[in-house]
Amino acid sequence: MGVGVRFGSAIASAMLLIIPGLAAAQTASNSDQLRMLGQCNGCIFEDLDLSGRKMTGVDLSGSTFRNVDFTGAGLGIAIFDNAVLENVSFEGADLGGASFTDATLKNVSFDRSDLTGAVFDDVILTDTDLQSGMQCNTQMRKRRLRPTRDQLDGVKFHGRRSSMRL
C-alpha cells in the first residue's frame, strides 16, 4: 500500500490529472491519458464531486473515499481493490469490469449503475445494496463475503455447516 496523500474539494481531481507521480508511466502533458489510465494508490479523497468524469481504467487501489460523488462517471475497468469507500455515490456510473476485491463499502449507492463484469470478491458491505445496479456477469463470491457482526445481528444459521468467518 502506498503512502497516504490527502485531497479535498476540487483539488483532488486536478491533482489526479496533472501530477506526474500519480500516473504510472504517463506524463502530465497528456491529461486525457492521465484521466483515463491514472494511478493514485493509497490516496485519500474527501468531500469531492467527481460526477460525470471519465476515468476509465484508473487504479485507485488502497485509497480511501469519504463523501465522494461519482454520479454518471465513466469508471469502466477501474481498480478499487483494498479501498475504503464511505458515503459514496456511483448512481448511473459505468463500472463495467471494475474491481472492488477486498474493499470495504459503507453506505455506497449503486442505483442505476452498470456493474457488468464488475468484481466484488471478499468485500465488506455495510448499508450498501448492489441489487439496484445493472448486473450481468458481476462476480461476488458469497462464500467469501465478510459481513460485520452488526450485519448478522438476529440472523439464525441452521445445519451442520453453519459457520462464517468474521
Foldseek 3Di string as FASTA:
>chain_A
DDDEAEDEEPVVVVCQQAPPVFAPPDHNVPSVCSQAQTHDERYEYEQYECDQGEHENYEHENYEYYNYEPDQYEHDQYEHDNYEYENYEPAQYEHANYEHHCYEYACYEQAQYAQENYEHEQYEYHNYDPVNYDYDNYHYDVLNHDYDVVVCVPPDADDDPGDHDD
